[in-house]
Amino acid sequence: MTQHTAIILLAAFVIGLVVGGLTFLSGNPSASAVLAGLLSAGGGVPVLRTLIG
């Protein structure tokens, strides 16, 4: 794995944690918070690849 890929995946992971945590703290169930975190992390990878690439 290249350094570029590692940075993008790490940033996507952090974004997913933040979104999932904020979703959970807003009072939504755990399952929807996990889903929101996964979707934001997955959706963030192409955007981060374009921005950092």
PDB file of N, CA and C in Angstrom:
ATOM      1  N   MET A   1       0.853  -1.167   0.000  1.00  0.00           N
ATOM      2  CA  MET A   1       0.000   0.000   0.000  1.00  0.00           C
ATOM      3  C   MET A   1       0.903   1.236   0.000  1.00  0.00           C
ATOM      4  N   THR A   2       0.569   2.155  -0.866  1.00  0.00           N
ATOM      5  CA  THR A   2       1.374   3.373  -0.954  1.00  0.00           C
ATOM      6  C   THR A   2       1.000   4.340   0.165  1.00  0.00           C
ATOM      7  N   GLN A   3       1.856   5.309   0.377  1.00  0.00           N
ATOM      8  CA  GLN A   3       1.600   6.309   1.397  1.00  0.00           C
ATOM      9  C   GLN A   3       0.359   7.129   1.048  1.00  0.00           C
ATOM     10  N   HIS A   4       0.167   7.387  -0.223  1.00  0.00           N
ATOM     11  CA  HIS A   4      -1.004   8.139  -0.693  1.00  0.00           C
ATOM     12  C   HIS A   4      -2.296   7.412  -0.323  1.00  0.00           C
ATOM     13  N   THR A   5      -2.335   6.118  -0.562  1.00  0.00           N
ATOM     14  CA  THR A   5      -3.516   5.319  -0.238  1.00  0.00           C
ATOM     15  C   THR A   5      -3.758   5.276   1.266  1.00  0.00           C
ATOM     16  N   ALA A   6      -2.691   5.143   2.035  1.00  0.00           N
ATOM     17  CA  ALA A   6      -2.821   5.091   3.489  1.00  0.00           C
ATOM     18  C   ALA A   6      -3.380   6.400   4.050  1.00  0.00           C
ATOM     19  N   ILE A   7      -2.934   7.518   3.520  1.00  0.00           N
ATOM     20  CA  ILE A   7      -3.428   8.816   3.991  1.00  0.00           C
ATOM     21  C   ILE A   7      -4.900   8.979   3.655  1.00  0.00           C
ATOM     22  N   ILE A   8      -5.286   8.587   2.463  1.00  0.00           N
ATOM     23  CA  ILE A   8      -6.690   8.706   2.052  1.00  0.00           C
ATOM     24  C   ILE A   8      -7.582   7.815   2.903  1.00  0.00           C
ATOM     25  N   LEU A   9      -7.165   6.575   3.143  1.00  0.00           N
ATOM     26  CA  LEU A   9      -7.977   5.670   3.951  1.00  0.00           C
ATOM     27  C   LEU A   9      -8.046   6.122   5.404  1.00  0.00           C
ATOM     28  N   LEU A  10      -6.950   6.647   5.924  1.00  0.00           N
ATOM     29  CA  LEU A  10      -6.955   7.150   7.291  1.00  0.00           C
ATOM     30  C   LEU A  10      -7.882   8.360   7.434  1.00  0.00           C
ATOM     31  N   ALA A  11      -7.828   9.259   6.473  1.00  0.00           N
ATOM     32  CA  ALA A  11      -8.711  10.429   6.509  1.00  0.00           C
ATOM     33  C   ALA A  11     -10.175  10.007   6.382  1.00  0.00           C
ATOM     34  N   ALA A  12     -10.462   9.037   5.524  1.00  0.00           N
ATOM     35  CA  ALA A  12     -11.833   8.552   5.375  1.00  0.00           C
ATOM     36  C   ALA A  12     -12.311   7.880   6.664  1.00  0.00           C
ATOM     37  N   PHE A  13     -11.416   7.161   7.325  1.00  0.00           N
ATOM     38  CA  PHE A  13     -11.753   6.515   8.594  1.00  0.00           C
ATOM     39  C   PHE A  13     -12.097   7.554   9.659  1.00  0.00           C
ATOM     40  N   VAL A  14     -11.312   8.605   9.728  1.00  0.00           N
ATOM     41  CA  VAL A  14     -11.564   9.669  10.703  1.00  0.00           C
ATOM     42  C   VAL A  14     -12.888  10.369  10.399  1.00  0.00           C
ATOM     43  N   ILE A  15     -13.142  10.649   9.138  1.00  0.00           N
ATOM     44  CA  ILE A  15     -14.414  11.271   8.750  1.00  0.00           C
ATOM     45  C   ILE A  15     -15.590  10.374   9.142  1.00  0.00           C
ATOM     46  N   GLY A  16     -15.455   9.070   8.893  1.00  0.00           N
ATOM     47  CA  GLY A  16     -16.517   8.135   9.268  1.00  0.00           C
ATOM     48  C   GLY A  16     -16.749   8.090  10.766  1.00  0.00           C
ATOM     49  N   LEU A  17     -15.669   8.125  11.549  1.00  0.00           N
ATOM     50  CA  LEU A  17     -15.820   8.142  13.000  1.00  0.00           C
ATOM     51  C   LEU A  17     -16.513   9.405  13.487  1.00  0.00           C
ATOM     52  N   VAL A  18     -16.136  10.536  12.931  1.00  0.00           N
ATOM     53  CA  VAL A  18     -16.735  11.802  13.353  1.00  0.00           C
ATOM     54  C   VAL A  18     -18.222  11.832  13.003  1.00  0.00           C
ATOM     55  N   VAL A  19     -18.557  11.475  11.785  1.00  0.00           N
ATOM     56  CA  VAL A  19     -19.961  11.495  11.365  1.00  0.00           C
ATOM     57  C   VAL A  19     -20.779  10.482  12.167  1.00  0.00           C
ATOM     58  N   GLY A  20     -20.251   9.286  12.346  1.00  0.00           N
ATOM     59  CA  GLY A  20     -20.961   8.278  13.136  1.00  0.00           C
ATOM     60  C   GLY A  20     -21.136   8.701  14.583  1.00  0.00           C
ATOM     61  N   GLY A  21     -20.097   9.285  15.162  1.00  0.00           N
ATOM     62  CA  GLY A  21     -20.194   9.753  16.542  1.00  0.00           C
ATOM     63  C   GLY A  21     -21.202  10.874  16.707  1.00  0.00           C
ATOM     64  N   LEU A  22     -21.177  11.822  15.795  1.00  0.00           N
ATOM     65  CA  LEU A  22     -22.130  12.928  15.875  1.00  0.00           C
ATOM     66  C   LEU A  22     -23.562  12.456  15.641  1.00  0.00           C
ATOM     67  N   THR A  23     -23.718  11.481  14.764  1.00  0.00           N
ATOM     68  CA  THR A  23     -25.052  10.922  14.525  1.00  0.00           C
ATOM     69  C   THR A  23     -25.568  10.227  15.775  1.00  0.00           C
ATOM     70  N   PHE A  24     -24.688   9.474  16.432  1.00  0.00           N
ATOM     71  CA  PHE A  24     -25.091   8.789  17.657  1.00  0.00           C
ATOM     72  C   PHE A  24     -25.416   9.787  18.774  1.00  0.00           C
ATOM     73  N   LEU A  25     -24.602  10.827  18.895  1.00  0.00           N
ATOM     74  CA  LEU A  25     -24.820  11.811  19.947  1.00  0.00           C
ATOM     75  C   LEU A  25     -26.075  12.654  19.727  1.00  0.00           C
ATOM     76  N   SER A  26     -26.549  12.699  18.494  1.00  0.00           N
ATOM     77  CA  SER A  26     -27.773  13.464  18.229  1.00  0.00           C
ATOM     78  C   SER A  26     -29.032  12.700  18.633  1.00  0.00           C
ATOM     79  N   GLY A  27     -28.866  11.471  19.101  1.00  0.00           N
ATOM     80  CA  GLY A  27     -30.011  10.729  19.608  1.00  0.00           C
ATOM     81  C   GLY A  27     -30.508   9.630  18.700  1.00  0.00           C
ATOM     82  N   ASN A  28     -29.848   9.391  17.597  1.00  0.00           N
ATOM     83  CA  ASN A  28     -30.259   8.322  16.691  1.00  0.00           C
ATOM     84  C   ASN A  28     -29.772   6.973  17.216  1.00  0.00           C
ATOM     85  N   PRO A  29     -30.419   5.886  16.804  1.00  0.00           N
ATOM     86  CA  PRO A  29     -29.979   4.554  17.242  1.00  0.00           C
ATOM     87  C   PRO A  29     -28.563   4.224  16.749  1.00  0.00           C
ATOM     88  N   SER A  30     -27.949   3.269  17.406  1.00  0.00           N
ATOM     89  CA  SER A  30     -26.574   2.893  17.076  1.00  0.00           C
ATOM     90  C   SER A  30     -26.443   2.396  15.637  1.00  0.00           C
ATOM     91  N   ALA A  31     -27.425   1.635  15.192  1.00  0.00           N
ATOM     92  CA  ALA A  31     -27.347   1.083  13.838  1.00  0.00           C
ATOM     93  C   ALA A  31     -27.329   2.181  12.786  1.00  0.00           C
ATOM     94  N   SER A  32     -28.114   3.203  12.970  1.00  0.00           N
ATOM     95  CA  SER A  32     -28.119   4.286  11.984  1.00  0.00           C
ATOM     96  C   SER A  32     -26.842   5.118  12.075  1.00  0.00           C
ATOM     97  N   ALA A  33     -26.249   5.213  13.264  1.00  0.00           N
ATOM     98  CA  ALA A  33     -24.983   5.924  13.404  1.00  0.00           C
ATOM     99  C   ALA A  33     -23.864   5.171  12.696  1.00  0.00           C
ATOM    100  N   VAL A  34     -23.859   3.852  12.823  1.00  0.00           N
ATOM    101  CA  VAL A  34     -22.844   3.038  12.128  1.00  0.00           C
ATOM    102  C   VAL A  34     -23.029   3.148  10.629  1.00  0.00           C
ATOM    103  N   LEU A  35     -24.265   3.092  10.172  1.00  0.00           N
ATOM    104  CA  LEU A  35     -24.540   3.211   8.746  1.00  0.00           C
ATOM    105  C   LEU A  35     -24.121   4.574   8.204  1.00  0.00           C
ATOM    106  N   ALA A  36     -24.389   5.626   8.958  1.00  0.00           N
ATOM    107  CA  ALA A  36     -23.992   6.965   8.530  1.00  0.00           C
ATOM    108  C   ALA A  36     -22.475   7.076   8.461  1.00  0.00           C
ATOM    109  N   GLY A  37     -21.780   6.503   9.432  1.00  0.00           N
ATOM    110  CA  GLY A  37     -20.319   6.531   9.421  1.00  0.00           C
ATOM    111  C   GLY A  37     -19.740   5.764   8.259  1.00  0.00           C
ATOM    112  N   LEU A  38     -20.284   4.592   7.984  1.00  0.00           N
ATOM    113  CA  LEU A  38     -19.785   3.796   6.861  1.00  0.00           C
ATOM    114  C   LEU A  38     -20.037   4.478   5.524  1.00  0.00           C
ATOM    115  N   LEU A  39     -21.215   5.050   5.369  1.00  0.00           N
ATOM    116  CA  LEU A  39     -21.538   5.721   4.113  1.00  0.00           C
ATOM    117  C   LEU A  39     -20.680   6.967   3.894  1.00  0.00           C
ATOM    118  N   SER A  40     -20.429   7.703   4.961  1.00  0.00           N
ATOM    119  CA  SER A  40     -19.607   8.905   4.802  1.00  0.00           C
ATOM    120  C   SER A  40     -18.151   8.549   4.541  1.00  0.00           C
ATOM    121  N   ALA A  41     -17.659   7.476   5.169  1.00  0.00           N
ATOM    122  CA  ALA A  41     -16.285   7.046   4.908  1.00  0.00           C
ATOM    123  C   ALA A  41     -16.148   6.542   3.475  1.00  0.00           C
ATOM    124  N   GLY A  42     -17.101   5.735   3.036  1.00  0.00           N
ATOM    125  CA  GLY A  42     -17.057   5.220   1.672  1.00  0.00           C
ATOM    126  C   GLY A  42     -17.230   6.305   0.628  1.00  0.00           C
ATOM    127  N   GLY A  43     -18.098   7.251   0.912  1.00  0.00           N
ATOM    128  CA  GLY A  43     -18.303   8.357  -0.019  1.00  0.00           C
ATOM    129  C   GLY A  43     -17.160   9.349  -0.010  1.00  0.00           C
ATOM    130  N   GLY A  44     -16.417   9.375   1.077  1.00  0.00           N
ATOM    131  CA  GLY A  44     -15.308  10.323   1.178  1.00  0.00           C
ATOM    132  C   GLY A  44     -14.057   9.889   0.442  1.00  0.00           C
ATOM    133  N   VAL A  45     -13.912   8.598   0.176  1.00  0.00           N
ATOM    134  CA  VAL A  45     -12.697   8.117  -0.480  1.00  0.00           C
ATOM    135  C   VAL A  45     -12.509   8.723  -1.865  1.00  0.00           C
ATOM    136  N   PRO A  46     -13.506   8.694  -2.759  1.00  0.00           N
ATOM    137  CA  PRO A  46     -13.287   9.306  -4.077  1.00  0.00           C
ATOM    138  C   PRO A  46     -13.045  10.809  -4.006  1.00  0.00           C
ATOM    139  N   VAL A  47     -13.715  11.472  -3.081  1.00  0.00           N
ATOM    140  CA  VAL A  47     -13.534  12.921  -2.937  1.00  0.00           C
ATOM    141  C   VAL A  47     -12.127  13.220  -2.439  1.00  0.00           C
ATOM    142  N   LEU A  48     -11.674  12.478  -1.425  1.00  0.00           N
ATOM    143  CA  LEU A  48     -10.330  12.680  -0.903  1.00  0.00           C
ATOM    144  C   LEU A  48      -9.267  12.338  -1.951  1.00  0.00           C
ATOM    145  N   ARG A  49      -9.533  11.310  -2.741  1.00  0.00           N
ATOM    146  CA  ARG A  49      -8.580  10.937  -3.794  1.00  0.00           C
ATOM    147  C   ARG A  49      -8.437  12.066  -4.806  1.00  0.00           C
ATOM    148  N   THR A  50      -9.547  12.725  -5.111  1.00  0.00           N
ATOM    149  CA  THR A  50      -9.500  13.842  -6.051  1.00  0.00           C
ATOM    150  C   THR A  50      -8.809  15.045  -5.422  1.00  0.00           C
ATOM    151  N   LEU A  51      -9.120  15.338  -4.160  1.00  0.00           N
ATOM    152  CA  LEU A  51      -8.545  16.515  -3.514  1.00  0.00           C
ATOM    153  C   LEU A  51      -7.064  16.338  -3.227  1.00  0.00           C
ATOM    154  N   ILE A  52      -6.663  15.178  -2.733  1.00  0.00           N
ATOM    155  CA  ILE A  52      -5.274  14.964  -2.356  1.00  0.00           C
ATOM    156  C   ILE A  52      -4.441  14.530  -3.547  1.00  0.00           C
ATOM    157  N   GLY A  53      -5.072  13.805  -4.486  1.00  0.00           N
ATOM    158  CA  GLY A  53      -4.369  13.234  -5.630  1.00  0.00           C
ATOM    159  C   GLY A  53      -3.659  14.223  -6.435  1.00  0.00           C
TER     160      GLY A  53
END
